[in-house]
Amino acid sequence: MKITRVVFHGKYSVNSTYLDTAVDIEGELEEKDTVDSALNSLKYIADQRVKQWKQDVELSSAPIRQAPITEQPQVIDLSHEKMEIAIDNCQTIEHLKEWKSNNPTVPGKILSHYNNRLKDLSNG
């Protein structure tokens, strides 16, 4: 049997850390070539091509910048949440005023919610 063609198939990581790129190269053997030397030559060509692709990817990829977090996460005060729910559950103005008399100290945010609910119930 006479081998006249050699094929190199290699997988490389170009765009990620995974083997995401397959390279297939075929070559014809000449009289002076051995199969091993031909495969080594094809592998060298593939390695050089992949090296160039990686450089191209690095040049075309701008680094991703993470914006610094300037805001603190919103803290939910459960006692305020319970007051808002109680205000929302009042179906009449009298019931809402009764809730207010039972809670004489109301934080500003909750007082605003109370006033909006009172306005909603007044308008019908």
PDB file of N, CA and C in Angstrom:
ATOM      1  N   MET A   1       0.852  -1.171   0.000  1.00  0.00           N
ATOM      2  CA  MET A   1       0.000   0.000   0.000  1.00  0.00           C
ATOM      3  C   MET A   1       0.900   1.237   0.000  1.00  0.00           C
ATOM      4  N   LYS A   2       0.537   2.174  -0.835  1.00  0.00           N
ATOM      5  CA  LYS A   2       1.296   3.413  -0.913  1.00  0.00           C
ATOM      6  C   LYS A   2       0.408   4.549  -0.416  1.00  0.00           C
ATOM      7  N   ILE A   3       0.892   5.276   0.589  1.00  0.00           N
ATOM      8  CA  ILE A   3       0.153   6.419   1.136  1.00  0.00           C
ATOM      9  C   ILE A   3       0.536   7.652   0.326  1.00  0.00           C
ATOM     10  N   THR A   4      -0.499   8.308  -0.217  1.00  0.00           N
ATOM     11  CA  THR A   4      -0.232   9.489  -1.052  1.00  0.00           C
ATOM     12  C   THR A   4      -0.774  10.777  -0.429  1.00  0.00           C
ATOM     13  N   ARG A   5      -1.718  10.646   0.517  1.00  0.00           N
ATOM     14  CA  ARG A   5      -2.312  11.821   1.157  1.00  0.00           C
ATOM     15  C   ARG A   5      -2.270  11.635   2.673  1.00  0.00           C
ATOM     16  N   VAL A   6      -2.073  12.740   3.386  1.00  0.00           N
ATOM     17  CA  VAL A   6      -2.153  12.725   4.851  1.00  0.00           C
ATOM     18  C   VAL A   6      -3.141  13.804   5.270  1.00  0.00           C
ATOM     19  N   VAL A   7      -3.840  13.531   6.358  1.00  0.00           N
ATOM     20  CA  VAL A   7      -4.839  14.461   6.880  1.00  0.00           C
ATOM     21  C   VAL A   7      -4.538  14.692   8.350  1.00  0.00           C
ATOM     22  N   PHE A   8      -4.517  15.959   8.733  1.00  0.00           N
ATOM     23  CA  PHE A   8      -4.368  16.309  10.146  1.00  0.00           C
ATOM     24  C   PHE A   8      -5.672  16.922  10.615  1.00  0.00           C
ATOM     25  N   HIS A   9      -6.175  16.424  11.744  1.00  0.00           N
ATOM     26  CA  HIS A   9      -7.395  16.961  12.353  1.00  0.00           C
ATOM     27  C   HIS A   9      -7.045  17.325  13.783  1.00  0.00           C
ATOM     28  N   GLY A  10      -7.221  18.590  14.134  1.00  0.00           N
ATOM     29  CA  GLY A  10      -6.912  19.032  15.495  1.00  0.00           C
ATOM     30  C   GLY A  10      -8.021  19.911  16.040  1.00  0.00           C
ATOM     31  N   LYS A  11      -8.173  19.883  17.358  1.00  0.00           N
ATOM     32  CA  LYS A  11      -9.156  20.750  18.028  1.00  0.00           C
ATOM     33  C   LYS A  11      -8.393  21.704  18.930  1.00  0.00           C
ATOM     34  N   TYR A  12      -8.805  22.962  18.893  1.00  0.00           N
ATOM     35  CA  TYR A  12      -8.114  24.011  19.621  1.00  0.00           C
ATOM     36  C   TYR A  12      -9.121  24.883  20.360  1.00  0.00           C
ATOM     37  N   SER A  13      -8.642  25.542  21.403  1.00  0.00           N
ATOM     38  CA  SER A  13      -9.472  26.535  22.082  1.00  0.00           C
ATOM     39  C   SER A  13      -9.040  27.921  21.594  1.00  0.00           C
ATOM     40  N   VAL A  14      -9.903  28.549  20.814  1.00  0.00           N
ATOM     41  CA  VAL A  14      -9.594  29.860  20.261  1.00  0.00           C
ATOM     42  C   VAL A  14     -10.416  30.938  20.959  1.00  0.00           C
ATOM     43  N   ASN A  15     -11.728  30.741  21.052  1.00  0.00           N
ATOM     44  CA  ASN A  15     -12.628  31.755  21.600  1.00  0.00           C
ATOM     45  C   ASN A  15     -12.965  31.549  23.061  1.00  0.00           C
ATOM     46  N   SER A  16     -12.581  30.440  23.642  1.00  0.00           N
ATOM     47  CA  SER A  16     -12.934  30.149  25.029  1.00  0.00           C
ATOM     48  C   SER A  16     -11.913  29.176  25.593  1.00  0.00           C
ATOM     49  N   THR A  17     -12.215  28.655  26.758  1.00  0.00           N
ATOM     50  CA  THR A  17     -11.314  27.665  27.348  1.00  0.00           C
ATOM     51  C   THR A  17     -11.648  26.257  26.867  1.00  0.00           C
ATOM     52  N   TYR A  18     -12.704  26.132  26.078  1.00  0.00           N
ATOM     53  CA  TYR A  18     -13.105  24.824  25.545  1.00  0.00           C
ATOM     54  C   TYR A  18     -12.495  24.608  24.160  1.00  0.00           C
ATOM     55  N   LEU A  19     -12.478  23.371  23.740  1.00  0.00           N
ATOM     56  CA  LEU A  19     -12.015  23.059  22.383  1.00  0.00           C
ATOM     57  C   LEU A  19     -13.122  23.446  21.410  1.00  0.00           C
ATOM     58  N   ASP A  20     -13.132  24.704  20.998  1.00  0.00           N
ATOM     59  CA  ASP A  20     -14.243  25.238  20.217  1.00  0.00           C
ATOM     60  C   ASP A  20     -13.946  25.368  18.725  1.00  0.00           C
ATOM     61  N   THR A  21     -12.735  25.044  18.304  1.00  0.00           N
ATOM     62  CA  THR A  21     -12.375  25.213  16.904  1.00  0.00           C
ATOM     63  C   THR A  21     -11.700  23.942  16.390  1.00  0.00           C
ATOM     64  N   ALA A  22     -12.216  23.427  15.292  1.00  0.00           N
ATOM     65  CA  ALA A  22     -11.612  22.239  14.665  1.00  0.00           C
ATOM     66  C   ALA A  22     -10.880  22.680  13.404  1.00  0.00           C
ATOM     67  N   VAL A  23      -9.705  22.112  13.197  1.00  0.00           N
ATOM     68  CA  VAL A  23      -8.899  22.431  12.018  1.00  0.00           C
ATOM     69  C   VAL A  23      -8.597  21.123  11.293  1.00  0.00           C
ATOM     70  N   ASP A  24      -8.906  21.093  10.008  1.00  0.00           N
ATOM     71  CA  ASP A  24      -8.592  19.942   9.154  1.00  0.00           C
ATOM     72  C   ASP A  24      -7.679  20.420   8.030  1.00  0.00           C
ATOM     73  N   ILE A  25      -6.548  19.746   7.876  1.00  0.00           N
ATOM     74  CA  ILE A  25      -5.612  20.089   6.804  1.00  0.00           C
ATOM     75  C   ILE A  25      -5.223  18.800   6.085  1.00  0.00           C
ATOM     76  N   GLU A  26      -5.262  18.858   4.761  1.00  0.00           N
ATOM     77  CA  GLU A  26      -4.844  17.713   3.954  1.00  0.00           C
ATOM     78  C   GLU A  26      -3.570  18.070   3.199  1.00  0.00           C
ATOM     79  N   GLY A  27      -2.759  17.056   2.970  1.00  0.00           N
ATOM     80  CA  GLY A  27      -1.546  17.267   2.201  1.00  0.00           C
ATOM     81  C   GLY A  27      -1.211  16.027   1.391  1.00  0.00           C
ATOM     82  N   GLU A  28      -0.512  16.235   0.299  1.00  0.00           N
ATOM     83  CA  GLU A  28      -0.072  15.110  -0.528  1.00  0.00           C
ATOM     84  C   GLU A  28       1.383  14.806  -0.215  1.00  0.00           C
ATOM     85  N   LEU A  29       1.680  13.535  -0.130  1.00  0.00           N
ATOM     86  CA  LEU A  29       3.058  13.119   0.114  1.00  0.00           C
ATOM     87  C   LEU A  29       3.865  13.224  -1.170  1.00  0.00           C
ATOM     88  N   GLU A  30       5.059  13.720  -1.029  1.00  0.00           N
ATOM     89  CA  GLU A  30       5.989  13.725  -2.151  1.00  0.00           C
ATOM     90  C   GLU A  30       6.988  12.597  -1.911  1.00  0.00           C
ATOM     91  N   GLU A  31       7.803  12.324  -2.880  1.00  0.00           N
ATOM     92  CA  GLU A  31       8.741  11.210  -2.799  1.00  0.00           C
ATOM     93  C   GLU A  31       9.642  11.289  -1.572  1.00  0.00           C
ATOM     94  N   LYS A  32      10.113  12.496  -1.226  1.00  0.00           N
ATOM     95  CA  LYS A  32      11.060  12.643  -0.124  1.00  0.00           C
ATOM     96  C   LYS A  32      10.397  12.664   1.251  1.00  0.00           C
ATOM     97  N   ASP A  33       9.062  12.802   1.332  1.00  0.00           N
ATOM     98  CA  ASP A  33       8.357  12.919   2.613  1.00  0.00           C
ATOM     99  C   ASP A  33       8.069  11.556   3.224  1.00  0.00           C
ATOM    100  N   THR A  34       8.070  11.541   4.561  1.00  0.00           N
ATOM    101  CA  THR A  34       7.548  10.379   5.283  1.00  0.00           C
ATOM    102  C   THR A  34       6.198  10.792   5.853  1.00  0.00           C
ATOM    103  N   VAL A  35       5.430   9.835   6.242  1.00  0.00           N
ATOM    104  CA  VAL A  35       4.104  10.126   6.809  1.00  0.00           C
ATOM    105  C   VAL A  35       4.259  10.970   8.068  1.00  0.00           C
ATOM    106  N   ASP A  36       5.192  10.599   8.960  1.00  0.00           N
ATOM    107  CA  ASP A  36       5.387  11.349  10.204  1.00  0.00           C
ATOM    108  C   ASP A  36       5.816  12.789   9.943  1.00  0.00           C
ATOM    109  N   SER A  37       6.743  12.989   9.037  1.00  0.00           N
ATOM    110  CA  SER A  37       7.197  14.357   8.758  1.00  0.00           C
ATOM    111  C   SER A  37       6.072  15.175   8.124  1.00  0.00           C
ATOM    112  N   ALA A  38       5.274  14.562   7.277  1.00  0.00           N
ATOM    113  CA  ALA A  38       4.144  15.269   6.656  1.00  0.00           C
ATOM    114  C   ALA A  38       3.112  15.663   7.710  1.00  0.00           C
ATOM    115  N   LEU A  39       2.794  14.736   8.628  1.00  0.00           N
ATOM    116  CA  LEU A  39       1.837  15.056   9.701  1.00  0.00           C
ATOM    117  C   LEU A  39       2.386  16.148  10.610  1.00  0.00           C
ATOM    118  N   ASN A  40       3.669  16.075  10.929  1.00  0.00           N
ATOM    119  CA  ASN A  40       4.272  17.123  11.761  1.00  0.00           C
ATOM    120  C   ASN A  40       4.215  18.476  11.067  1.00  0.00           C
ATOM    121  N   SER A  41       4.428  18.489   9.779  1.00  0.00           N
ATOM    122  CA  SER A  41       4.348  19.744   9.021  1.00  0.00           C
ATOM    123  C   SER A  41       2.926  20.296   9.023  1.00  0.00           C
ATOM    124  N   LEU A  42       1.952  19.415   8.835  1.00  0.00           N
ATOM    125  CA  LEU A  42       0.548  19.859   8.850  1.00  0.00           C
ATOM    126  C   LEU A  42       0.153  20.382  10.238  1.00  0.00           C
ATOM    127  N   LYS A  43       0.617  19.694  11.272  1.00  0.00           N
ATOM    128  CA  LYS A  43       0.322  20.136  12.652  1.00  0.00           C
ATOM    129  C   LYS A  43       0.951  21.502  12.897  1.00  0.00           C
ATOM    130  N   TYR A  44       2.177  21.705  12.432  1.00  0.00           N
ATOM    131  CA  TYR A  44       2.847  22.999  12.597  1.00  0.00           C
ATOM    132  C   TYR A  44       2.050  24.104  11.899  1.00  0.00           C
ATOM    133  N   ILE A  45       1.595  23.831  10.701  1.00  0.00           N
ATOM    134  CA  ILE A  45       0.801  24.823   9.947  1.00  0.00           C
ATOM    135  C   ILE A  45      -0.491  25.140  10.708  1.00  0.00           C
ATOM    136  N   ALA A  46      -1.152  24.104  11.223  1.00  0.00           N
ATOM    137  CA  ALA A  46      -2.394  24.310  11.972  1.00  0.00           C
ATOM    138  C   ALA A  46      -2.118  25.115  13.242  1.00  0.00           C
ATOM    139  N   ASP A  47      -1.045  24.776  13.966  1.00  0.00           N
ATOM    140  CA  ASP A  47      -0.699  25.495  15.192  1.00  0.00           C
ATOM    141  C   ASP A  47      -0.438  26.975  14.913  1.00  0.00           C
ATOM    142  N   GLN A  48       0.275  27.259  13.822  1.00  0.00           N
ATOM    143  CA  GLN A  48       0.567  28.656  13.472  1.00  0.00           C
ATOM    144  C   GLN A  48      -0.710  29.415  13.109  1.00  0.00           C
ATOM    145  N   ARG A  49      -1.605  28.753  12.383  1.00  0.00           N
ATOM    146  CA  ARG A  49      -2.861  29.388  11.995  1.00  0.00           C
ATOM    147  C   ARG A  49      -3.707  29.687  13.231  1.00  0.00           C
ATOM    148  N   VAL A  50      -3.788  28.733  14.155  1.00  0.00           N
ATOM    149  CA  VAL A  50      -4.571  28.930  15.386  1.00  0.00           C
ATOM    150  C   VAL A  50      -3.945  30.029  16.248  1.00  0.00           C
ATOM    151  N   LYS A  51      -2.638  30.080  16.291  1.00  0.00           N
ATOM    152  CA  LYS A  51      -1.960  31.135  17.045  1.00  0.00           C
ATOM    153  C   LYS A  51      -2.353  32.504  16.492  1.00  0.00           C
ATOM    154  N   GLN A  52      -2.402  32.627  15.176  1.00  0.00           N
ATOM    155  CA  GLN A  52      -2.804  33.892  14.554  1.00  0.00           C
ATOM    156  C   GLN A  52      -4.272  34.208  14.859  1.00  0.00           C
ATOM    157  N   TRP A  53      -5.133  33.196  14.815  1.00  0.00           N
ATOM    158  CA  TRP A  53      -6.547  33.414  15.136  1.00  0.00           C
ATOM    159  C   TRP A  53      -6.707  33.918  16.562  1.00  0.00           C
ATOM    160  N   LYS A  54      -5.962  33.327  17.495  1.00  0.00           N
ATOM    161  CA  LYS A  54      -6.050  33.761  18.895  1.00  0.00           C
ATOM    162  C   LYS A  54      -5.616  35.213  19.035  1.00  0.00           C
ATOM    163  N   GLN A  55      -4.558  35.604  18.333  1.00  0.00           N
ATOM    164  CA  GLN A  55      -4.119  36.996  18.381  1.00  0.00           C
ATOM    165  C   GLN A  55      -5.191  37.917  17.809  1.00  0.00           C
ATOM    166  N   ASP A  56      -5.833  37.500  16.728  1.00  0.00           N
ATOM    167  CA  ASP A  56      -6.902  38.302  16.129  1.00  0.00           C
ATOM    168  C   ASP A  56      -8.080  38.448  17.086  1.00  0.00           C
ATOM    169  N   VAL A  57      -8.421  37.365  17.771  1.00  0.00           N
ATOM    170  CA  VAL A  57      -9.534  37.407  18.733  1.00  0.00           C
ATOM    171  C   VAL A  57      -9.193  38.340  19.882  1.00  0.00           C
ATOM    172  N   GLU A  58      -7.963  38.258  20.388  1.00  0.00           N
ATOM    173  CA  GLU A  58      -7.553  39.131  21.488  1.00  0.00           C
ATOM    174  C   GLU A  58      -7.565  40.588  21.072  1.00  0.00           C
ATOM    175  N   LEU A  59      -7.161  40.886  19.848  1.00  0.00           N
ATOM    176  CA  LEU A  59      -7.159  42.269  19.381  1.00  0.00           C
ATOM    177  C   LEU A  59      -8.563  42.806  19.166  1.00  0.00           C
ATOM    178  N   SER A  60      -9.466  41.948  18.724  1.00  0.00           N
ATOM    179  CA  SER A  60     -10.824  42.411  18.433  1.00  0.00           C
ATOM    180  C   SER A  60     -11.713  42.440  19.663  1.00  0.00           C
ATOM    181  N   SER A  61     -11.278  41.829  20.740  1.00  0.00           N
ATOM    182  CA  SER A  61     -12.093  41.779  21.948  1.00  0.00           C
ATOM    183  C   SER A  61     -11.657  42.873  22.907  1.00  0.00           C
ATOM    184  N   ALA A  62     -12.558  43.811  23.126  1.00  0.00           N
ATOM    185  CA  ALA A  62     -12.271  44.858  24.113  1.00  0.00           C
ATOM    186  C   ALA A  62     -12.515  44.276  25.506  1.00  0.00           C
ATOM    187  N   PRO A  63     -11.702  44.656  26.455  1.00  0.00           N
ATOM    188  CA  PRO A  63     -11.928  44.127  27.800  1.00  0.00           C
ATOM    189  C   PRO A  63     -13.265  44.616  28.354  1.00  0.00           C
ATOM    190  N   ILE A  64     -13.916  43.757  29.071  1.00  0.00           N
ATOM    191  CA  ILE A  64     -15.211  44.096  29.673  1.00  0.00           C
ATOM    192  C   ILE A  64     -14.944  44.757  31.014  1.00  0.00           C
ATOM    193  N   ARG A  65     -15.441  45.953  31.151  1.00  0.00           N
ATOM    194  CA  ARG A  65     -15.262  46.670  32.409  1.00  0.00           C
ATOM    195  C   ARG A  65     -16.517  46.543  33.243  1.00  0.00           C
ATOM    196  N   GLN A  66     -16.303  46.270  34.481  1.00  0.00           N
ATOM    197  CA  GLN A  66     -17.418  46.202  35.413  1.00  0.00           C
ATOM    198  C   GLN A  66     -17.574  47.577  36.055  1.00  0.00           C
ATOM    199  N   ALA A  67     -18.765  48.129  35.964  1.00  0.00           N
ATOM    200  CA  ALA A  67     -19.022  49.416  36.607  1.00  0.00           C
ATOM    201  C   ALA A  67     -19.057  49.211  38.118  1.00  0.00           C
ATOM    202  N   PRO A  68     -18.435  50.114  38.852  1.00  0.00           N
ATOM    203  CA  PRO A  68     -18.481  49.953  40.308  1.00  0.00           C
ATOM    204  C   PRO A  68     -19.898  50.154  40.821  1.00  0.00           C
ATOM    205  N   ILE A  69     -20.230  49.404  41.820  1.00  0.00           N
ATOM    206  CA  ILE A  69     -21.561  49.518  42.419  1.00  0.00           C
ATOM    207  C   ILE A  69     -21.534  50.698  43.366  1.00  0.00           C
ATOM    208  N   THR A  70     -22.312  51.718  43.046  1.00  0.00           N
ATOM    209  CA  THR A  70     -22.329  52.919  43.879  1.00  0.00           C
ATOM    210  C   THR A  70     -23.527  52.934  44.815  1.00  0.00           C
ATOM    211  N   GLU A  71     -24.553  52.198  44.464  1.00  0.00           N
ATOM    212  CA  GLU A  71     -25.745  52.173  45.303  1.00  0.00           C
ATOM    213  C   GLU A  71     -25.696  50.989  46.259  1.00  0.00           C
ATOM    214  N   GLN A  72     -26.196  51.235  47.434  1.00  0.00           N
ATOM    215  CA  GLN A  72     -26.336  50.152  48.389  1.00  0.00           C
ATOM    216  C   GLN A  72     -27.661  49.453  48.107  1.00  0.00           C
ATOM    217  N   PRO A  73     -27.728  48.160  48.342  1.00  0.00           N
ATOM    218  CA  PRO A  73     -29.000  47.471  48.124  1.00  0.00           C
ATOM    219  C   PRO A  73     -30.076  48.031  49.054  1.00  0.00           C
ATOM    220  N   GLN A  74     -31.285  48.049  48.531  1.00  0.00           N
ATOM    221  CA  GLN A  74     -32.393  48.580  49.308  1.00  0.00           C
ATOM    222  C   GLN A  74     -32.744  47.603  50.423  1.00  0.00           C
ATOM    223  N   VAL A  75     -32.829  48.137  51.628  1.00  0.00           N
ATOM    224  CA  VAL A  75     -33.186  47.320  52.781  1.00  0.00           C
ATOM    225  C   VAL A  75     -34.682  47.486  53.018  1.00  0.00           C
ATOM    226  N   ILE A  76     -35.371  46.384  53.115  1.00  0.00           N
ATOM    227  CA  ILE A  76     -36.812  46.418  53.345  1.00  0.00           C
ATOM    228  C   ILE A  76     -37.068  46.274  54.831  1.00  0.00           C
ATOM    229  N   ASP A  77     -37.741  47.273  55.375  1.00  0.00           N
ATOM    230  CA  ASP A  77     -38.096  47.244  56.796  1.00  0.00           C
ATOM    231  C   ASP A  77     -39.429  46.511  56.922  1.00  0.00           C
ATOM    232  N   LEU A  78     -39.400  45.363  57.570  1.00  0.00           N
ATOM    233  CA  LEU A  78     -40.610  44.545  57.658  1.00  0.00           C
ATOM    234  C   LEU A  78     -41.733  45.227  58.423  1.00  0.00           C
ATOM    235  N   SER A  79     -41.387  46.018  59.435  1.00  0.00           N
ATOM    236  CA  SER A  79     -42.452  46.708  60.185  1.00  0.00           C
ATOM    237  C   SER A  79     -43.149  47.725  59.281  1.00  0.00           C
ATOM    238  N   HIS A  80     -42.369  48.391  58.398  1.00  0.00           N
ATOM    239  CA  HIS A  80     -42.991  49.323  57.443  1.00  0.00           C
ATOM    240  C   HIS A  80     -43.869  48.572  56.447  1.00  0.00           C
ATOM    241  N   GLU A  81     -43.383  47.417  55.984  1.00  0.00           N
ATOM    242  CA  GLU A  81     -44.168  46.616  55.048  1.00  0.00           C
ATOM    243  C   GLU A  81     -45.497  46.203  55.675  1.00  0.00           C
ATOM    244  N   LYS A  82     -45.456  45.790  56.934  1.00  0.00           N
ATOM    245  CA  LYS A  82     -46.685  45.376  57.623  1.00  0.00           C
ATOM    246  C   LYS A  82     -47.653  46.543  57.755  1.00  0.00           C
ATOM    247  N   MET A  83     -47.119  47.742  58.029  1.00  0.00           N
ATOM    248  CA  MET A  83     -47.992  48.926  58.137  1.00  0.00           C
ATOM    249  C   MET A  83     -48.633  49.240  56.784  1.00  0.00           C
ATOM    250  N   GLU A  84     -47.842  49.163  55.719  1.00  0.00           N
ATOM    251  CA  GLU A  84     -48.393  49.431  54.387  1.00  0.00           C
ATOM    252  C   GLU A  84     -49.477  48.426  54.030  1.00  0.00           C
ATOM    253  N   ILE A  85     -49.269  47.182  54.372  1.00  0.00           N
ATOM    254  CA  ILE A  85     -50.285  46.154  54.094  1.00  0.00           C
ATOM    255  C   ILE A  85     -51.545  46.426  54.895  1.00  0.00           C
ATOM    256  N   ALA A  86     -51.378  46.800  56.173  1.00  0.00           N
ATOM    257  CA  ALA A  86     -52.546  47.106  57.009  1.00  0.00           C
ATOM    258  C   ALA A  86     -53.311  48.296  56.446  1.00  0.00           C
ATOM    259  N   ILE A  87     -52.590  49.310  55.966  1.00  0.00           N
ATOM    260  CA  ILE A  87     -53.245  50.481  55.364  1.00  0.00           C
ATOM    261  C   ILE A  87     -53.990  50.073  54.100  1.00  0.00           C
ATOM    262  N   ASP A  88     -53.369  49.249  53.271  1.00  0.00           N
ATOM    263  CA  ASP A  88     -54.017  48.797  52.036  1.00  0.00           C
ATOM    264  C   ASP A  88     -55.252  47.947  52.317  1.00  0.00           C
ATOM    265  N   ASN A  89     -55.276  47.260  53.441  1.00  0.00           N
ATOM    266  CA  ASN A  89     -56.409  46.402  53.783  1.00  0.00           C
ATOM    267  C   ASN A  89     -57.596  47.191  54.323  1.00  0.00           C
ATOM    268  N   CYS A  90     -57.422  48.449  54.678  1.00  0.00           N
ATOM    269  CA  CYS A  90     -58.533  49.274  55.159  1.00  0.00           C
ATOM    270  C   CYS A  90     -59.446  49.598  53.978  1.00  0.00           C
ATOM    271  N   GLN A  91     -60.718  49.236  54.105  1.00  0.00           N
ATOM    272  CA  GLN A  91     -61.666  49.409  53.004  1.00  0.00           C
ATOM    273  C   GLN A  91     -62.512  50.673  53.119  1.00  0.00           C
ATOM    274  N   THR A  92     -62.530  51.285  54.310  1.00  0.00           N
ATOM    275  CA  THR A  92     -63.312  52.507  54.496  1.00  0.00           C
ATOM    276  C   THR A  92     -62.453  53.563  55.173  1.00  0.00           C
ATOM    277  N   ILE A  93     -62.903  54.824  55.073  1.00  0.00           N
ATOM    278  CA  ILE A  93     -62.176  55.928  55.715  1.00  0.00           C
ATOM    279  C   ILE A  93     -62.183  55.747  57.224  1.00  0.00           C
ATOM    280  N   GLU A  94     -63.301  55.271  57.790  1.00  0.00           N
ATOM    281  CA  GLU A  94     -63.396  55.068  59.232  1.00  0.00           C
ATOM    282  C   GLU A  94     -62.396  54.004  59.703  1.00  0.00           C
ATOM    283  N   HIS A  95     -62.305  52.938  58.936  1.00  0.00           N
ATOM    284  CA  HIS A  95     -61.372  51.861  59.271  1.00  0.00           C
ATOM    285  C   HIS A  95     -59.931  52.376  59.201  1.00  0.00           C
ATOM    286  N   LEU A  96     -59.640  53.218  58.208  1.00  0.00           N
ATOM    287  CA  LEU A  96     -58.307  53.790  58.057  1.00  0.00           C
ATOM    288  C   LEU A  96     -57.984  54.736  59.211  1.00  0.00           C
ATOM    289  N   LYS A  97     -58.959  55.560  59.618  1.00  0.00           N
ATOM    290  CA  LYS A  97     -58.738  56.474  60.750  1.00  0.00           C
ATOM    291  C   LYS A  97     -58.568  55.694  62.050  1.00  0.00           C
ATOM    292  N   GLU A  98     -59.274  54.597  62.179  1.00  0.00           N
ATOM    293  CA  GLU A  98     -59.121  53.742  63.363  1.00  0.00           C
ATOM    294  C   GLU A  98     -57.699  53.158  63.406  1.00  0.00           C
ATOM    295  N   TRP A  99     -57.199  52.747  62.236  1.00  0.00           N
ATOM    296  CA  TRP A  99     -55.819  52.234  62.186  1.00  0.00           C
ATOM    297  C   TRP A  99     -54.839  53.320  62.623  1.00  0.00           C
ATOM    298  N   LYS A 100     -55.077  54.577  62.170  1.00  0.00           N
ATOM    299  CA  LYS A 100     -54.196  55.702  62.515  1.00  0.00           C
ATOM    300  C   LYS A 100     -54.240  55.986  64.005  1.00  0.00           C
ATOM    301  N   SER A 101     -55.396  55.883  64.603  1.00  0.00           N
ATOM    302  CA  SER A 101     -55.475  56.141  66.052  1.00  0.00           C
ATOM    303  C   SER A 101     -54.765  55.044  66.846  1.00  0.00           C
ATOM    304  N   ASN A 102     -54.731  53.830  66.334  1.00  0.00           N
ATOM    305  CA  ASN A 102     -54.017  52.735  67.006  1.00  0.00           C
ATOM    306  C   ASN A 102     -52.503  52.819  66.783  1.00  0.00           C
ATOM    307  N   ASN A 103     -52.064  53.599  65.788  1.00  0.00           N
ATOM    308  CA  ASN A 103     -50.638  53.765  65.468  1.00  0.00           C
ATOM    309  C   ASN A 103     -50.305  55.253  65.461  1.00  0.00           C
ATOM    310  N   PRO A 104     -50.137  55.866  66.628  1.00  0.00           N
ATOM    311  CA  PRO A 104     -49.920  57.315  66.667  1.00  0.00           C
ATOM    312  C   PRO A 104     -48.574  57.749  66.071  1.00  0.00           C
ATOM    313  N   THR A 105     -47.550  56.897  66.139  1.00  0.00           N
ATOM    314  CA  THR A 105     -46.248  57.239  65.572  1.00  0.00           C
ATOM    315  C   THR A 105     -46.077  56.500  64.251  1.00  0.00           C
ATOM    316  N   VAL A 106     -46.106  57.277  63.171  1.00  0.00           N
ATOM    317  CA  VAL A 106     -46.007  56.681  61.835  1.00  0.00           C
ATOM    318  C   VAL A 106     -44.826  57.323  61.117  1.00  0.00           C
ATOM    319  N   PRO A 107     -43.887  56.529  60.579  1.00  0.00           N
ATOM    320  CA  PRO A 107     -42.762  57.096  59.827  1.00  0.00           C
ATOM    321  C   PRO A 107     -43.238  57.866  58.596  1.00  0.00           C
ATOM    322  N   GLY A 108     -42.407  58.787  58.115  1.00  0.00           N
ATOM    323  CA  GLY A 108     -42.773  59.664  56.995  1.00  0.00           C
ATOM    324  C   GLY A 108     -43.199  58.916  55.752  1.00  0.00           C
ATOM    325  N   LYS A 109     -42.480  57.867  55.393  1.00  0.00           N
ATOM    326  CA  LYS A 109     -42.821  57.106  54.189  1.00  0.00           C
ATOM    327  C   LYS A 109     -44.197  56.458  54.349  1.00  0.00           C
ATOM    328  N   ILE A 110     -44.471  55.965  55.522  1.00  0.00           N
ATOM    329  CA  ILE A 110     -45.754  55.301  55.781  1.00  0.00           C
ATOM    330  C   ILE A 110     -46.868  56.342  55.849  1.00  0.00           C
ATOM    331  N   LEU A 111     -46.554  57.527  56.393  1.00  0.00           N
ATOM    332  CA  LEU A 111     -47.550  58.592  56.454  1.00  0.00           C
ATOM    333  C   LEU A 111     -47.963  59.011  55.042  1.00  0.00           C
ATOM    334  N   SER A 112     -47.000  59.062  54.143  1.00  0.00           N
ATOM    335  CA  SER A 112     -47.303  59.370  52.746  1.00  0.00           C
ATOM    336  C   SER A 112     -48.209  58.296  52.152  1.00  0.00           C
ATOM    337  N   HIS A 113     -47.921  57.036  52.450  1.00  0.00           N
ATOM    338  CA  HIS A 113     -48.758  55.934  51.973  1.00  0.00           C
ATOM    339  C   HIS A 113     -50.167  56.035  52.572  1.00  0.00           C
ATOM    340  N   TYR A 114     -50.246  56.392  53.842  1.00  0.00           N
ATOM    341  CA  TYR A 114     -51.532  56.577  54.540  1.00  0.00           C
ATOM    342  C   TYR A 114     -52.350  57.683  53.862  1.00  0.00           C
ATOM    343  N   ASN A 115     -51.681  58.824  53.571  1.00  0.00           N
ATOM    344  CA  ASN A 115     -52.384  59.952  52.938  1.00  0.00           C
ATOM    345  C   ASN A 115     -52.875  59.600  51.545  1.00  0.00           C
ATOM    346  N   ASN A 116     -52.071  58.839  50.784  1.00  0.00           N
ATOM    347  CA  ASN A 116     -52.512  58.408  49.457  1.00  0.00           C
ATOM    348  C   ASN A 116     -53.709  57.480  49.547  1.00  0.00           C
ATOM    349  N   ARG A 117     -53.703  56.582  50.515  1.00  0.00           N
ATOM    350  CA  ARG A 117     -54.832  55.662  50.687  1.00  0.00           C
ATOM    351  C   ARG A 117     -56.076  56.415  51.103  1.00  0.00           C
ATOM    352  N   LEU A 118     -55.913  57.411  51.993  1.00  0.00           N
ATOM    353  CA  LEU A 118     -57.034  58.234  52.444  1.00  0.00           C
ATOM    354  C   LEU A 118     -57.621  59.003  51.248  1.00  0.00           C
ATOM    355  N   LYS A 119     -56.758  59.499  50.379  1.00  0.00           N
ATOM    356  CA  LYS A 119     -57.222  60.204  49.178  1.00  0.00           C
ATOM    357  C   LYS A 119     -57.967  59.253  48.251  1.00  0.00           C
ATOM    358  N   ASP A 120     -57.452  58.022  48.093  1.00  0.00           N
ATOM    359  CA  ASP A 120     -58.131  57.035  47.241  1.00  0.00           C
ATOM    360  C   ASP A 120     -59.516  56.702  47.776  1.00  0.00           C
ATOM    361  N   LEU A 121     -59.613  56.506  49.077  1.00  0.00           N
ATOM    362  CA  LEU A 121     -60.924  56.154  49.669  1.00  0.00           C
ATOM    363  C   LEU A 121     -61.878  57.338  49.619  1.00  0.00           C
ATOM    364  N   SER A 122     -61.354  58.563  49.705  1.00  0.00           N
ATOM    365  CA  SER A 122     -62.209  59.754  49.646  1.00  0.00           C
ATOM    366  C   SER A 122     -62.782  59.949  48.242  1.00  0.00           C
ATOM    367  N   ASN A 123     -61.989  59.615  47.243  1.00  0.00           N
ATOM    368  CA  ASN A 123     -62.425  59.795  45.845  1.00  0.00           C
ATOM    369  C   ASN A 123     -63.337  58.677  45.381  1.00  0.00           C
ATOM    370  N   GLY A 124     -63.467  57.660  46.162  1.00  0.00           N
ATOM    371  CA  GLY A 124     -64.422  56.631  45.819  1.00  0.00           C
ATOM    372  C   GLY A 124     -63.814  55.422  45.295  1.00  0.00           C
TER     373      GLY A 124
END
